[in-house]
């Protein structure tokens, strides 16, 4: 892994956790549901200090339905830990989340120019746009 990629990998959970605080509640719930779906039952019990343990019964569902109340209660540190865990097991999902956040101009403005530059750099990477299966990864998060 190149040095710049390592630096990006280290900061991506922090960026997504910071964006999580600034996006609307509906997108927060959707994002959290997608992240939680990529975590196994044991990890759901411990990641984020056990904050997501109530979703153990739905572990491995394609998307876990997260209530707006649960999305509102999730802290940035819990989301940071969750994203860091998912990043190790499914780096493609983190790129998908970044794609979605990049389209939210209010989020990009709130997070600043450095985040926008990181997002643009990641989106310009060949695999960030279209996954290995040829599917636009951003669409999967925006599907109804």
Protein backbone atom coordinates (compact mmCIF):
# COMPACT_ATOMS: atom_id res chain seq x y z
CA UNK A 1 0.00 0.00 0.00
CA UNK A 2 1.40 3.42 -0.93
CA UNK A 3 2.09 5.96 1.79
CA UNK A 4 -0.74 8.28 0.67
CA UNK A 5 -3.16 5.34 0.62
CA UNK A 6 -2.13 4.41 4.16
CA UNK A 7 -2.70 8.00 5.30
CA UNK A 8 -6.13 8.02 3.63
CA UNK A 9 -7.00 4.69 5.20
CA UNK A 10 -6.12 6.02 8.64
CA UNK A 11 -8.24 9.16 8.26
CA UNK A 12 -11.26 7.72 6.44
CA UNK A 13 -13.07 6.47 9.57
CA UNK A 14 -12.66 9.91 11.15
CA UNK A 15 -13.96 11.62 8.03
CA UNK A 16 -17.01 9.39 7.78
CA UNK A 17 -17.70 9.69 11.52
CA UNK A 18 -17.49 13.48 11.22
CA UNK A 19 -19.79 13.49 8.21
CA UNK A 20 -22.22 11.22 10.07
CA UNK A 21 -22.85 14.00 12.60
CA UNK A 22 -23.71 16.47 9.85
CA UNK A 23 -25.96 14.50 7.52
CA UNK A 24 -29.73 14.27 7.80
CA UNK A 25 -31.24 11.62 10.01
CA UNK A 26 -32.59 9.53 7.13
CA UNK A 27 -29.14 9.20 5.54
CA UNK A 28 -27.64 8.53 8.98
CA UNK A 29 -30.04 5.61 9.52
CA UNK A 30 -29.35 4.23 6.03
CA UNK A 31 -25.59 4.55 6.41
CA UNK A 32 -25.65 2.92 9.83
CA UNK A 33 -27.83 0.09 8.51
CA UNK A 34 -25.38 -0.61 5.69
CA UNK A 35 -22.39 -0.55 8.01
CA UNK A 36 -24.01 -2.78 10.63
CA UNK A 37 -24.99 -5.31 7.96
CA UNK A 38 -21.29 -5.90 7.27
CA UNK A 39 -20.53 -6.80 10.88
CA UNK A 40 -20.96 -10.27 12.31
CA UNK A 41 -22.96 -11.09 15.44
CA UNK A 42 -19.99 -11.15 17.80
CA UNK A 43 -18.64 -7.84 16.55
CA UNK A 44 -22.09 -6.25 16.81
CA UNK A 45 -21.95 -7.09 20.51
CA UNK A 46 -18.67 -5.29 21.11
CA UNK A 47 -18.09 -2.62 18.42
CA UNK A 48 -18.95 0.85 19.65
CA UNK A 49 -18.94 -0.29 23.25
CA UNK A 50 -21.84 -2.68 22.59
CA UNK A 51 -24.09 0.13 21.34
CA UNK A 52 -25.18 -2.00 18.38
CA UNK A 53 -25.77 -5.27 20.27
CA UNK A 54 -29.53 -4.98 19.82
CA UNK A 55 -29.00 -5.77 16.12
CA UNK A 56 -27.36 -9.17 16.69
CA UNK A 57 -30.51 -11.01 15.57
CA UNK A 58 -30.31 -9.23 12.19
CA UNK A 59 -26.61 -9.81 11.67
CA UNK A 60 -25.73 -10.58 8.05
CA UNK A 61 -28.94 -9.12 6.64
CA UNK A 62 -28.23 -7.12 3.44
CA UNK A 63 -29.26 -3.98 5.33
CA UNK A 64 -30.24 -3.69 8.95
CA UNK A 65 -33.23 -1.41 9.52
CA UNK A 66 -32.05 1.29 11.91
CA UNK A 67 -34.62 3.60 13.47
CA UNK A 68 -34.17 7.35 13.29
CA UNK A 69 -33.94 7.34 17.10
CA UNK A 70 -31.06 4.85 17.07
CA UNK A 71 -29.33 6.81 14.30
CA UNK A 72 -29.70 10.00 16.34
CA UNK A 73 -28.24 8.31 19.45
CA UNK A 74 -25.18 6.91 17.67
CA UNK A 75 -22.10 8.94 18.55
CA UNK A 76 -19.30 9.86 16.21
CA UNK A 77 -16.88 7.75 18.26
CA UNK A 78 -19.15 4.69 17.90
CA UNK A 79 -19.43 5.30 14.15
CA UNK A 80 -15.67 5.82 13.91
CA UNK A 81 -15.04 2.46 15.56
CA UNK A 82 -17.67 0.79 13.35
CA UNK A 83 -16.22 2.27 10.15
CA UNK A 84 -12.71 1.27 11.19
CA UNK A 85 -13.89 -2.30 11.76
CA UNK A 86 -15.76 -2.43 8.43
CA UNK A 87 -12.84 -0.85 6.61
CA UNK A 88 -10.69 -3.82 7.53
CA UNK A 89 -13.26 -6.39 6.47
CA UNK A 90 -14.88 -4.59 3.50
CA UNK A 91 -12.91 -1.60 2.16
CA UNK A 92 -15.21 -1.32 -0.86
CA UNK A 93 -18.14 -0.35 1.40
CA UNK A 94 -16.17 2.55 2.84
CA UNK A 95 -15.59 3.83 -0.69
CA UNK A 96 -19.33 3.54 -1.34
CA UNK A 97 -20.07 5.63 1.74
CA UNK A 98 -17.59 8.23 0.61
CA UNK A 99 -19.33 8.35 -2.80
CA UNK A 100 -22.65 9.09 -1.13
CA UNK A 101 -21.21 11.74 1.17
CA UNK A 102 -19.44 13.39 -1.75
CA UNK A 103 -22.79 14.07 -3.39
CA UNK A 104 -24.09 15.89 -0.30
CA UNK A 105 -22.74 19.42 -0.79
CA UNK A 106 -23.73 20.56 2.70
CA UNK A 107 -21.67 17.75 4.21
CA UNK A 108 -18.65 18.50 2.06
CA UNK A 109 -18.87 22.21 2.93
CA UNK A 110 -19.14 21.43 6.65
CA UNK A 111 -16.18 19.09 6.59
CA UNK A 112 -13.92 21.49 4.78
CA UNK A 113 -11.64 21.62 1.78
CA UNK A 114 -9.25 18.92 2.98
CA UNK A 115 -12.06 16.40 3.13
CA UNK A 116 -13.30 17.47 -0.28
CA UNK A 117 -9.81 16.97 -1.70
CA UNK A 118 -9.58 13.50 -0.14
CA UNK A 119 -13.02 12.64 -1.51
CA UNK A 120 -12.17 13.82 -5.01
CA UNK A 121 -8.92 11.86 -4.95
CA UNK A 122 -10.70 8.68 -3.79
CA UNK A 123 -13.51 9.10 -6.32
CA UNK A 124 -11.05 9.53 -9.15
CA UNK A 125 -9.49 6.16 -8.37
CA UNK A 126 -10.59 3.56 -10.94
CA UNK A 127 -12.26 1.16 -8.50
CA UNK A 128 -13.94 3.85 -6.39
CA UNK A 129 -16.41 4.62 -9.20
CA UNK A 130 -17.38 1.14 -10.33
CA UNK A 131 -16.93 -1.94 -8.21
CA UNK A 132 -15.26 -5.07 -9.44
CA UNK A 133 -18.61 -6.55 -10.43
CA UNK A 134 -19.30 -3.54 -12.67
CA UNK A 135 -21.97 -2.13 -10.37
CA UNK A 136 -22.03 1.52 -9.37
CA UNK A 137 -21.47 1.18 -5.60
CA UNK A 138 -23.08 4.53 -4.77
CA UNK A 139 -26.41 3.41 -6.18
CA UNK A 140 -26.68 0.58 -3.70
CA UNK A 141 -26.82 3.06 -0.81
CA UNK A 142 -29.36 5.31 -2.49
CA UNK A 143 -31.75 2.57 -3.54
CA UNK A 144 -35.19 2.89 -1.94
